[in-house]
């Protein structure tokens, strides 16, 4: 039997117990972190792909949505590049950045509205994208209300992210239904 009256043994046992307790606590915290991360990822995951009946106008709408995405991406990349150059040169003001980003959001929404989509699936994707940009506009305005903060349209809330991810996944799924478009888009 152990002699617990010995101070060295008592201290050793106490230290071991604390060490094991700390390790157990770290493992529990790590499990909680993983669970929280998994939960956030799961929450941001979009709804399952919505099934639509194929129509004769599918390729028309897919082409328009792809063209919209490419045109907006080009404009957006150019805007970000210009703002970065101005920031590096020290000429960028928060008001100018807000104005340019606000114009960019309005442009994205206007480009979406002008699409002459003929299918239910095309209009569904259009609605998801419009929801995303409307949320971005709200976020941008909220950032403007905060004094001396440079607005950032890439900072999204969950709802906006879900709409954008869902729209992109729906379009990609739809596009894969038409292999002839896959080869034309890649060329």
N, C-alpha and C. Protein backbone atom coordinates (compact mmCIF):
# COMPACT_ATOMS: atom_id res chain seq x y z
N UNK A 1 0.84 -1.18 0.00
CA UNK A 1 0.00 0.00 0.00
C UNK A 1 0.88 1.24 0.00
N UNK A 2 0.42 2.27 -0.71
CA UNK A 2 1.18 3.51 -0.80
C UNK A 2 1.08 4.30 0.48
N UNK A 3 2.16 4.95 0.81
CA UNK A 3 2.19 5.80 1.98
C UNK A 3 1.89 7.22 1.51
N UNK A 4 0.64 7.65 1.63
CA UNK A 4 0.24 8.98 1.16
C UNK A 4 0.69 10.09 2.09
N UNK A 5 1.27 9.72 3.21
CA UNK A 5 1.75 10.75 4.13
C UNK A 5 3.06 11.33 3.64
N UNK A 6 3.74 10.65 2.75
CA UNK A 6 4.98 11.16 2.22
C UNK A 6 4.67 12.34 1.32
N UNK A 7 5.27 13.50 1.56
CA UNK A 7 4.97 14.69 0.77
C UNK A 7 5.35 14.54 -0.70
N UNK A 8 6.39 13.82 -1.02
CA UNK A 8 6.82 13.67 -2.40
C UNK A 8 5.78 12.86 -3.18
N UNK A 9 5.30 11.79 -2.57
CA UNK A 9 4.30 10.95 -3.24
C UNK A 9 3.00 11.73 -3.39
N UNK A 10 2.60 12.43 -2.37
CA UNK A 10 1.36 13.19 -2.42
C UNK A 10 1.42 14.26 -3.50
N UNK A 11 2.56 14.95 -3.58
CA UNK A 11 2.72 16.00 -4.59
C UNK A 11 2.73 15.39 -5.99
N UNK A 12 3.42 14.26 -6.13
CA UNK A 12 3.48 13.58 -7.43
C UNK A 12 2.09 13.15 -7.88
N UNK A 13 1.33 12.54 -6.99
CA UNK A 13 -0.03 12.11 -7.32
C UNK A 13 -0.93 13.29 -7.65
N UNK A 14 -0.79 14.36 -6.88
CA UNK A 14 -1.59 15.55 -7.10
C UNK A 14 -1.26 16.17 -8.46
N UNK A 15 0.05 16.26 -8.76
CA UNK A 15 0.50 16.82 -10.04
C UNK A 15 0.01 15.97 -11.21
N UNK A 16 0.10 14.66 -11.06
CA UNK A 16 -0.38 13.76 -12.12
C UNK A 16 -1.86 13.93 -12.35
N UNK A 17 -2.61 14.05 -11.26
CA UNK A 17 -4.05 14.23 -11.37
C UNK A 17 -4.37 15.54 -12.09
N UNK A 18 -3.66 16.61 -11.75
CA UNK A 18 -3.87 17.90 -12.42
C UNK A 18 -3.53 17.82 -13.90
N UNK A 19 -2.40 17.15 -14.20
CA UNK A 19 -1.98 17.01 -15.59
C UNK A 19 -3.02 16.24 -16.40
N UNK A 20 -3.48 15.12 -15.88
CA UNK A 20 -4.49 14.31 -16.57
C UNK A 20 -5.80 15.08 -16.71
N UNK A 21 -6.13 15.84 -15.69
CA UNK A 21 -7.35 16.65 -15.75
C UNK A 21 -7.24 17.72 -16.84
N UNK A 22 -6.07 18.35 -16.91
CA UNK A 22 -5.85 19.38 -17.93
C UNK A 22 -5.90 18.78 -19.34
N UNK A 23 -5.28 17.62 -19.49
CA UNK A 23 -5.31 16.95 -20.81
C UNK A 23 -6.74 16.61 -21.19
N UNK A 24 -7.49 16.09 -20.24
CA UNK A 24 -8.88 15.74 -20.51
C UNK A 24 -9.68 16.97 -20.89
N UNK A 25 -9.42 18.09 -20.19
CA UNK A 25 -10.14 19.34 -20.48
C UNK A 25 -9.80 19.83 -21.88
N UNK A 26 -8.50 19.75 -22.27
CA UNK A 26 -8.11 20.18 -23.62
C UNK A 26 -8.77 19.31 -24.67
N UNK A 27 -8.83 18.01 -24.46
CA UNK A 27 -9.49 17.11 -25.40
C UNK A 27 -10.97 17.45 -25.53
N UNK A 28 -11.62 17.75 -24.40
CA UNK A 28 -13.03 18.11 -24.43
C UNK A 28 -13.22 19.42 -25.19
N UNK A 29 -12.33 20.41 -24.93
CA UNK A 29 -12.44 21.69 -25.64
C UNK A 29 -12.23 21.49 -27.13
N UNK A 30 -11.25 20.66 -27.49
CA UNK A 30 -10.97 20.41 -28.90
C UNK A 30 -12.19 19.75 -29.57
N UNK A 31 -12.81 18.81 -28.88
CA UNK A 31 -14.01 18.17 -29.41
C UNK A 31 -15.11 19.20 -29.61
N UNK A 32 -15.26 20.12 -28.64
CA UNK A 32 -16.28 21.17 -28.75
C UNK A 32 -15.97 22.10 -29.92
N UNK A 33 -14.66 22.43 -30.13
CA UNK A 33 -14.28 23.29 -31.25
C UNK A 33 -14.63 22.63 -32.57
N UNK A 34 -14.30 21.37 -32.69
CA UNK A 34 -14.59 20.64 -33.92
C UNK A 34 -16.10 20.60 -34.15
N UNK A 35 -16.83 20.35 -33.09
CA UNK A 35 -18.28 20.30 -33.20
C UNK A 35 -18.81 21.66 -33.65
N UNK A 36 -18.29 22.73 -33.09
CA UNK A 36 -18.73 24.07 -33.47
C UNK A 36 -18.36 24.36 -34.92
N UNK A 37 -17.13 24.01 -35.34
CA UNK A 37 -16.73 24.23 -36.73
C UNK A 37 -17.61 23.43 -37.67
N UNK A 38 -17.84 22.17 -37.34
CA UNK A 38 -18.71 21.34 -38.17
C UNK A 38 -20.10 21.93 -38.26
N UNK A 39 -20.57 22.46 -37.16
CA UNK A 39 -21.92 23.04 -37.14
C UNK A 39 -21.99 24.26 -38.05
N UNK A 40 -20.98 25.12 -38.00
CA UNK A 40 -20.96 26.31 -38.85
C UNK A 40 -20.93 25.91 -40.32
N UNK A 41 -20.07 24.93 -40.65
CA UNK A 41 -19.99 24.47 -42.04
C UNK A 41 -21.32 23.90 -42.48
N UNK A 42 -21.93 23.12 -41.59
CA UNK A 42 -23.22 22.52 -41.92
C UNK A 42 -24.28 23.60 -42.12
N UNK A 43 -24.24 24.64 -41.29
CA UNK A 43 -25.23 25.71 -41.42
C UNK A 43 -25.04 26.49 -42.72
N UNK A 44 -23.78 26.64 -43.15
CA UNK A 44 -23.52 27.37 -44.39
C UNK A 44 -23.77 26.53 -45.63
N UNK A 45 -23.80 25.22 -45.45
CA UNK A 45 -24.08 24.35 -46.60
C UNK A 45 -25.46 24.66 -47.14
N UNK A 46 -25.53 24.80 -48.44
CA UNK A 46 -26.82 25.14 -49.02
C UNK A 46 -27.80 23.97 -48.98
N UNK A 47 -29.00 24.29 -49.34
CA UNK A 47 -30.03 23.27 -49.45
C UNK A 47 -29.65 22.33 -50.59
N UNK A 48 -30.24 21.15 -50.61
CA UNK A 48 -29.96 20.23 -51.72
C UNK A 48 -30.33 20.88 -53.06
N UNK A 49 -29.69 20.41 -54.10
CA UNK A 49 -29.98 20.90 -55.44
C UNK A 49 -31.46 20.67 -55.73
N UNK A 50 -32.09 21.70 -56.22
CA UNK A 50 -33.51 21.62 -56.55
C UNK A 50 -33.66 21.02 -57.95
N UNK A 51 -34.56 20.09 -58.09
CA UNK A 51 -34.77 19.42 -59.37
C UNK A 51 -35.82 20.17 -60.20
N UNK A 52 -35.51 20.38 -61.46
CA UNK A 52 -36.42 21.03 -62.39
C UNK A 52 -36.55 20.16 -63.64
N UNK A 53 -37.66 20.28 -64.30
CA UNK A 53 -37.89 19.58 -65.56
C UNK A 53 -37.08 20.27 -66.65
N UNK A 54 -36.44 19.46 -67.50
CA UNK A 54 -35.67 20.03 -68.61
C UNK A 54 -36.62 20.71 -69.59
N UNK A 55 -36.13 21.81 -70.18
CA UNK A 55 -36.93 22.54 -71.18
C UNK A 55 -36.05 22.86 -72.38
N UNK A 56 -36.68 23.28 -73.43
CA UNK A 56 -35.95 23.67 -74.65
C UNK A 56 -35.14 24.94 -74.44
N UNK A 57 -35.47 25.73 -73.41
CA UNK A 57 -34.78 27.00 -73.16
C UNK A 57 -33.67 26.89 -72.12
N UNK A 58 -33.37 25.70 -71.65
CA UNK A 58 -32.34 25.53 -70.63
C UNK A 58 -30.99 26.08 -71.07
N UNK A 59 -30.53 25.69 -72.24
CA UNK A 59 -29.20 26.14 -72.68
C UNK A 59 -29.15 27.66 -72.84
N UNK A 60 -30.24 28.25 -73.28
CA UNK A 60 -30.33 29.72 -73.39
C UNK A 60 -30.07 30.37 -72.04
N UNK A 61 -30.78 29.90 -71.02
CA UNK A 61 -30.65 30.50 -69.70
C UNK A 61 -29.29 30.21 -69.06
N UNK A 62 -28.78 29.00 -69.26
CA UNK A 62 -27.46 28.66 -68.71
C UNK A 62 -26.41 29.60 -69.30
N UNK A 63 -26.46 29.80 -70.61
CA UNK A 63 -25.49 30.69 -71.26
C UNK A 63 -25.60 32.11 -70.72
N UNK A 64 -26.81 32.59 -70.52
CA UNK A 64 -26.99 33.95 -69.99
C UNK A 64 -26.44 34.06 -68.57
N UNK A 65 -26.68 33.06 -67.74
CA UNK A 65 -26.19 33.10 -66.36
C UNK A 65 -24.67 32.99 -66.29
N UNK A 66 -24.10 32.17 -67.15
CA UNK A 66 -22.63 32.07 -67.20
C UNK A 66 -22.03 33.38 -67.68
N UNK A 67 -22.64 33.96 -68.71
CA UNK A 67 -22.17 35.25 -69.22
C UNK A 67 -22.26 36.33 -68.14
N UNK A 68 -23.38 36.35 -67.41
CA UNK A 68 -23.53 37.30 -66.31
C UNK A 68 -22.40 37.13 -65.31
N UNK A 69 -22.15 35.89 -64.91
CA UNK A 69 -21.12 35.61 -63.91
C UNK A 69 -19.75 36.06 -64.39
N UNK A 70 -19.43 35.78 -65.63
CA UNK A 70 -18.13 36.17 -66.18
C UNK A 70 -18.00 37.69 -66.29
N UNK A 71 -19.06 38.35 -66.77
CA UNK A 71 -18.99 39.81 -66.90
C UNK A 71 -18.88 40.47 -65.54
N UNK A 72 -19.68 40.00 -64.58
CA UNK A 72 -19.61 40.61 -63.26
C UNK A 72 -18.25 40.34 -62.60
N UNK A 73 -17.73 39.15 -62.76
CA UNK A 73 -16.43 38.82 -62.18
C UNK A 73 -15.35 39.74 -62.74
N UNK A 74 -15.38 39.99 -64.04
CA UNK A 74 -14.40 40.89 -64.65
C UNK A 74 -14.51 42.30 -64.07
N UNK A 75 -15.72 42.81 -63.96
CA UNK A 75 -15.94 44.15 -63.42
C UNK A 75 -15.50 44.20 -61.95
N UNK A 76 -15.85 43.19 -61.20
CA UNK A 76 -15.51 43.13 -59.78
C UNK A 76 -14.00 43.06 -59.57
N UNK A 77 -13.34 42.22 -60.36
CA UNK A 77 -11.88 42.12 -60.25
C UNK A 77 -11.21 43.45 -60.56
N UNK A 78 -11.71 44.13 -61.58
CA UNK A 78 -11.15 45.44 -61.95
C UNK A 78 -11.37 46.45 -60.82
N UNK A 79 -12.56 46.43 -60.23
CA UNK A 79 -12.86 47.34 -59.12
C UNK A 79 -11.92 47.08 -57.95
N UNK A 80 -11.78 45.82 -57.56
CA UNK A 80 -10.90 45.49 -56.43
C UNK A 80 -9.46 45.89 -56.72
N UNK A 81 -9.02 45.69 -57.96
CA UNK A 81 -7.67 46.08 -58.34
C UNK A 81 -7.48 47.59 -58.23
N UNK A 82 -8.45 48.34 -58.73
CA UNK A 82 -8.38 49.81 -58.66
C UNK A 82 -8.36 50.29 -57.21
N UNK A 83 -9.21 49.71 -56.38
CA UNK A 83 -9.26 50.11 -54.97
C UNK A 83 -7.95 49.77 -54.26
N UNK A 84 -7.39 48.62 -54.57
CA UNK A 84 -6.13 48.21 -53.96
C UNK A 84 -5.00 49.18 -54.37
N UNK A 85 -4.98 49.57 -55.65
CA UNK A 85 -3.96 50.52 -56.11
C UNK A 85 -4.10 51.86 -55.38
N UNK A 86 -5.33 52.32 -55.25
CA UNK A 86 -5.57 53.59 -54.55
C UNK A 86 -5.18 53.47 -53.08
N UNK A 87 -5.48 52.36 -52.48
CA UNK A 87 -5.13 52.14 -51.07
C UNK A 87 -3.62 52.18 -50.90
N UNK A 88 -2.90 51.49 -51.78
CA UNK A 88 -1.44 51.46 -51.72
C UNK A 88 -0.84 52.84 -51.97
N UNK A 89 -1.50 53.63 -52.80
CA UNK A 89 -1.02 54.98 -53.10
C UNK A 89 -1.43 55.98 -52.02
N UNK A 90 -2.29 55.56 -51.12
CA UNK A 90 -2.75 56.44 -50.05
C UNK A 90 -3.82 57.42 -50.48
N UNK A 91 -4.48 57.16 -51.60
CA UNK A 91 -5.50 58.08 -52.10
C UNK A 91 -6.93 57.57 -51.90
N UNK A 92 -7.07 56.41 -51.32
CA UNK A 92 -8.39 55.82 -51.12
C UNK A 92 -9.05 56.36 -49.85
N UNK A 93 -10.25 56.86 -50.02
CA UNK A 93 -11.02 57.30 -48.85
C UNK A 93 -12.15 56.30 -48.61
N UNK A 94 -12.62 56.23 -47.39
CA UNK A 94 -13.71 55.32 -47.04
C UNK A 94 -14.96 55.66 -47.86
N UNK A 95 -15.22 56.94 -48.05
CA UNK A 95 -16.40 57.37 -48.80
C UNK A 95 -16.31 56.92 -50.26
N UNK A 96 -15.14 57.07 -50.86
CA UNK A 96 -14.97 56.66 -52.26
C UNK A 96 -15.12 55.14 -52.38
N UNK A 97 -14.52 54.39 -51.46
CA UNK A 97 -14.62 52.92 -51.48
C UNK A 97 -16.08 52.50 -51.34
N UNK A 98 -16.79 53.14 -50.42
CA UNK A 98 -18.21 52.83 -50.24
C UNK A 98 -18.97 53.09 -51.53
N UNK A 99 -18.74 54.27 -52.12
CA UNK A 99 -19.46 54.65 -53.33
C UNK A 99 -19.22 53.65 -54.47
N UNK A 100 -17.96 53.26 -54.67
CA UNK A 100 -17.62 52.31 -55.75
C UNK A 100 -18.23 50.94 -55.49
N UNK A 101 -18.17 50.48 -54.25
CA UNK A 101 -18.71 49.16 -53.92
C UNK A 101 -20.24 49.17 -53.99
N UNK A 102 -20.83 50.28 -53.59
CA UNK A 102 -22.29 50.39 -53.69
C UNK A 102 -22.71 50.36 -55.15
N UNK A 103 -22.00 51.11 -55.99
CA UNK A 103 -22.28 51.10 -57.43
C UNK A 103 -22.12 49.69 -58.01
N UNK A 104 -21.12 48.98 -57.53
CA UNK A 104 -20.87 47.63 -58.00
C UNK A 104 -22.03 46.69 -57.65
N UNK A 105 -22.55 46.81 -56.47
CA UNK A 105 -23.69 45.99 -56.04
C UNK A 105 -24.92 46.34 -56.87
N UNK A 106 -25.17 47.62 -57.04
CA UNK A 106 -26.32 48.04 -57.85
C UNK A 106 -26.17 47.56 -59.29
N UNK A 107 -24.95 47.58 -59.79
CA UNK A 107 -24.69 47.10 -61.15
C UNK A 107 -24.98 45.60 -61.25
N UNK A 108 -24.56 44.84 -60.25
CA UNK A 108 -24.82 43.39 -60.25
C UNK A 108 -26.32 43.12 -60.25
N UNK A 109 -27.04 43.86 -59.44
CA UNK A 109 -28.50 43.69 -59.38
C UNK A 109 -29.16 44.09 -60.70
N UNK A 110 -28.70 45.17 -61.29
CA UNK A 110 -29.28 45.63 -62.56
C UNK A 110 -28.97 44.63 -63.68
N UNK A 111 -27.75 44.11 -63.69
CA UNK A 111 -27.40 43.11 -64.69
C UNK A 111 -28.28 41.87 -64.55
N UNK A 112 -28.56 41.48 -63.32
CA UNK A 112 -29.43 40.33 -63.07
C UNK A 112 -30.84 40.58 -63.58
N UNK A 113 -31.35 41.79 -63.28
CA UNK A 113 -32.72 42.12 -63.70
C UNK A 113 -32.86 42.13 -65.22
N UNK A 114 -31.80 42.49 -65.92
CA UNK A 114 -31.86 42.59 -67.38
C UNK A 114 -31.77 41.23 -68.08
N UNK A 115 -31.45 40.18 -67.33
CA UNK A 115 -31.38 38.86 -67.96
C UNK A 115 -32.77 38.43 -68.40
N UNK A 116 -32.88 38.01 -69.63
CA UNK A 116 -34.15 37.56 -70.18
C UNK A 116 -34.24 36.04 -70.03
N UNK A 117 -34.42 35.61 -68.78
CA UNK A 117 -34.44 34.18 -68.49
C UNK A 117 -35.83 33.62 -68.78
N UNK A 118 -35.84 32.43 -69.38
CA UNK A 118 -37.09 31.86 -69.85
C UNK A 118 -37.52 30.62 -69.09
N UNK A 119 -36.70 30.16 -68.15
CA UNK A 119 -37.03 28.91 -67.45
C UNK A 119 -37.23 29.16 -65.96
N UNK A 120 -37.94 28.25 -65.35
CA UNK A 120 -38.16 28.33 -63.91
C UNK A 120 -36.83 28.20 -63.16
N UNK A 121 -35.97 27.30 -63.62
CA UNK A 121 -34.68 27.10 -62.96
C UNK A 121 -33.79 28.33 -63.11
N UNK A 122 -33.82 28.95 -64.27
CA UNK A 122 -33.04 30.17 -64.48
C UNK A 122 -33.51 31.29 -63.55
N UNK A 123 -34.81 31.44 -63.43
CA UNK A 123 -35.34 32.48 -62.54
C UNK A 123 -35.08 32.15 -61.07
N UNK A 124 -35.05 30.87 -60.73
CA UNK A 124 -34.72 30.45 -59.37
C UNK A 124 -33.28 30.87 -59.02
N UNK A 125 -32.35 30.59 -59.92
CA UNK A 125 -30.96 30.99 -59.71
C UNK A 125 -30.84 32.50 -59.67
N UNK A 126 -31.55 33.18 -60.55
CA UNK A 126 -31.55 34.65 -60.58
C UNK A 126 -32.02 35.19 -59.23
N UNK A 127 -33.06 34.60 -58.67
CA UNK A 127 -33.58 35.04 -57.38
C UNK A 127 -32.58 34.81 -56.25
N UNK A 128 -31.88 33.68 -56.28
CA UNK A 128 -30.86 33.42 -55.26
C UNK A 128 -29.74 34.46 -55.33
N UNK A 129 -29.31 34.75 -56.56
CA UNK A 129 -28.24 35.75 -56.73
C UNK A 129 -28.71 37.14 -56.32
N UNK A 130 -29.94 37.48 -56.66
CA UNK A 130 -30.48 38.79 -56.27
C UNK A 130 -30.54 38.90 -54.75
N UNK A 131 -30.95 37.83 -54.09
CA UNK A 131 -30.99 37.82 -52.63
C UNK A 131 -29.59 38.06 -52.05
N UNK A 132 -28.60 37.41 -52.63
CA UNK A 132 -27.22 37.60 -52.18
C UNK A 132 -26.81 39.07 -52.28
N UNK A 133 -27.06 39.68 -53.44
CA UNK A 133 -26.62 41.07 -53.63
C UNK A 133 -27.44 42.05 -52.78
N UNK A 134 -28.70 41.77 -52.55
CA UNK A 134 -29.49 42.62 -51.66
C UNK A 134 -28.95 42.57 -50.24
N UNK A 135 -28.53 41.39 -49.80
CA UNK A 135 -27.93 41.24 -48.47
C UNK A 135 -26.59 41.98 -48.41
N UNK A 136 -25.82 41.91 -49.51
CA UNK A 136 -24.54 42.62 -49.55
C UNK A 136 -24.75 44.13 -49.44
N UNK A 137 -25.80 44.62 -50.07
CA UNK A 137 -26.10 46.05 -49.99
C UNK A 137 -26.43 46.45 -48.55
N UNK A 138 -27.21 45.62 -47.86
CA UNK A 138 -27.53 45.91 -46.46
C UNK A 138 -26.27 45.91 -45.60
N UNK A 139 -25.40 44.95 -45.82
CA UNK A 139 -24.16 44.88 -45.05
C UNK A 139 -23.27 46.09 -45.33
N UNK A 140 -23.21 46.49 -46.58
CA UNK A 140 -22.40 47.65 -46.95
C UNK A 140 -22.92 48.91 -46.27
N UNK A 141 -24.23 49.07 -46.26
CA UNK A 141 -24.83 50.23 -45.60
C UNK A 141 -24.58 50.19 -44.09
N UNK A 142 -24.62 49.01 -43.51
CA UNK A 142 -24.35 48.88 -42.08
C UNK A 142 -22.91 49.26 -41.77
N UNK A 143 -21.99 48.88 -42.65
CA UNK A 143 -20.59 49.25 -42.46
C UNK A 143 -20.39 50.75 -42.60
N UNK A 144 -21.15 51.37 -43.50
CA UNK A 144 -21.01 52.81 -43.68
C UNK A 144 -21.45 53.55 -42.42
N UNK A 145 -22.45 52.99 -41.76
CA UNK A 145 -22.95 53.62 -40.54
C UNK A 145 -21.90 53.61 -39.43
N UNK A 146 -20.98 52.70 -39.49
CA UNK A 146 -19.91 52.66 -38.49
C UNK A 146 -18.83 53.65 -38.89
N UNK A 147 -18.48 54.52 -38.00
CA UNK A 147 -17.53 55.60 -38.30
C UNK A 147 -16.14 55.05 -38.60
N UNK A 148 -15.51 55.65 -39.62
CA UNK A 148 -14.13 55.38 -39.98
C UNK A 148 -13.82 53.92 -40.29
N UNK A 149 -14.77 53.19 -40.84
CA UNK A 149 -14.50 51.81 -41.22
C UNK A 149 -14.65 51.68 -42.72
N UNK A 150 -13.68 51.07 -43.32
CA UNK A 150 -13.74 50.83 -44.76
C UNK A 150 -14.70 49.69 -45.04
N UNK A 151 -15.71 49.91 -45.87
CA UNK A 151 -16.67 48.85 -46.14
C UNK A 151 -16.04 47.70 -46.92
N UNK A 152 -16.55 46.51 -46.67
CA UNK A 152 -16.02 45.32 -47.32
C UNK A 152 -17.19 44.45 -47.75
N UNK A 153 -17.47 44.40 -49.04
CA UNK A 153 -18.64 43.66 -49.51
C UNK A 153 -18.43 42.15 -49.47
N UNK A 154 -17.23 41.70 -49.19
CA UNK A 154 -17.02 40.26 -49.12
C UNK A 154 -17.33 39.72 -47.74
N UNK A 155 -17.60 40.56 -46.79
CA UNK A 155 -17.96 40.10 -45.45
C UNK A 155 -19.46 39.84 -45.45
N UNK A 156 -19.84 38.59 -45.39
CA UNK A 156 -21.23 38.21 -45.57
C UNK A 156 -21.84 37.64 -44.30
N UNK A 157 -23.15 37.63 -44.28
CA UNK A 157 -23.83 36.88 -43.24
C UNK A 157 -24.20 35.52 -43.80
N UNK A 158 -24.65 34.64 -42.94
CA UNK A 158 -24.94 33.28 -43.37
C UNK A 158 -25.99 33.21 -44.47
N UNK A 159 -27.04 33.99 -44.36
CA UNK A 159 -28.11 33.96 -45.35
C UNK A 159 -27.60 34.32 -46.74
N UNK A 160 -26.80 35.35 -46.82
CA UNK A 160 -26.27 35.77 -48.11
C UNK A 160 -25.35 34.70 -48.67
N UNK A 161 -24.49 34.16 -47.84
CA UNK A 161 -23.57 33.12 -48.30
C UNK A 161 -24.34 31.89 -48.79
N UNK A 162 -25.37 31.52 -48.07
CA UNK A 162 -26.16 30.36 -48.47
C UNK A 162 -26.79 30.60 -49.84
N UNK A 163 -27.31 31.80 -50.07
CA UNK A 163 -27.92 32.11 -51.36
C UNK A 163 -26.91 32.03 -52.49
N UNK A 164 -25.72 32.59 -52.27
CA UNK A 164 -24.69 32.58 -53.30
C UNK A 164 -24.20 31.16 -53.58
N UNK A 165 -23.91 30.40 -52.53
CA UNK A 165 -23.44 29.03 -52.71
C UNK A 165 -24.50 28.19 -53.41
N UNK A 166 -25.75 28.35 -52.98
CA UNK A 166 -26.84 27.58 -53.60
C UNK A 166 -26.97 27.93 -55.08
N UNK A 167 -26.90 29.20 -55.41
CA UNK A 167 -27.01 29.62 -56.81
C UNK A 167 -25.88 29.02 -57.65
N UNK A 168 -24.66 29.09 -57.14
CA UNK A 168 -23.52 28.57 -57.88
C UNK A 168 -23.61 27.06 -58.06
N UNK A 169 -23.99 26.35 -57.00
CA UNK A 169 -24.11 24.89 -57.10
C UNK A 169 -25.26 24.49 -58.01
N UNK A 170 -26.37 25.22 -57.96
CA UNK A 170 -27.51 24.92 -58.83
C UNK A 170 -27.13 25.13 -60.29
N UNK A 171 -26.44 26.24 -60.58
CA UNK A 171 -26.02 26.51 -61.95
C UNK A 171 -25.03 25.46 -62.43
N UNK A 172 -24.09 25.09 -61.60
CA UNK A 172 -23.11 24.08 -61.99
C UNK A 172 -23.77 22.74 -62.26
N UNK A 173 -24.70 22.37 -61.40
CA UNK A 173 -25.45 21.12 -61.60
C UNK A 173 -26.22 21.18 -62.93
N UNK A 174 -26.88 22.29 -63.15
CA UNK A 174 -27.68 22.47 -64.37
C UNK A 174 -26.79 22.39 -65.60
N UNK A 175 -25.66 23.06 -65.51
CA UNK A 175 -24.72 23.09 -66.63
C UNK A 175 -24.21 21.69 -66.97
N UNK A 176 -23.97 20.86 -65.97
CA UNK A 176 -23.48 19.51 -66.23
C UNK A 176 -24.53 18.63 -66.90
N UNK A 177 -25.77 19.07 -66.90
CA UNK A 177 -26.84 18.33 -67.58
C UNK A 177 -26.72 18.46 -69.10
N UNK A 178 -25.91 19.41 -69.54
CA UNK A 178 -25.76 19.70 -70.96
C UNK A 178 -24.27 19.65 -71.32
N UNK A 179 -23.76 18.45 -71.61
CA UNK A 179 -22.33 18.29 -71.89
C UNK A 179 -21.83 19.17 -73.04
N UNK A 180 -22.70 19.47 -74.00
CA UNK A 180 -22.27 20.32 -75.11
C UNK A 180 -21.89 21.72 -74.64
N UNK A 181 -22.46 22.18 -73.55
CA UNK A 181 -22.10 23.49 -72.99
C UNK A 181 -20.77 23.41 -72.26
N UNK A 182 -20.47 22.29 -71.66
CA UNK A 182 -19.22 22.10 -70.94
C UNK A 182 -18.03 22.33 -71.88
N UNK A 183 -18.08 21.76 -73.07
CA UNK A 183 -16.95 21.91 -73.98
C UNK A 183 -16.86 23.32 -74.53
N UNK A 184 -17.99 23.98 -74.77
CA UNK A 184 -17.98 25.35 -75.29
C UNK A 184 -17.46 26.32 -74.24
N UNK A 185 -17.83 26.10 -72.97
CA UNK A 185 -17.40 27.00 -71.90
C UNK A 185 -15.90 26.86 -71.68
N UNK A 186 -15.36 25.65 -71.79
CA UNK A 186 -13.94 25.43 -71.55
C UNK A 186 -13.07 25.96 -72.67
N UNK A 187 -13.58 26.12 -73.88
CA UNK A 187 -12.78 26.57 -75.04
C UNK A 187 -12.39 27.99 -74.96
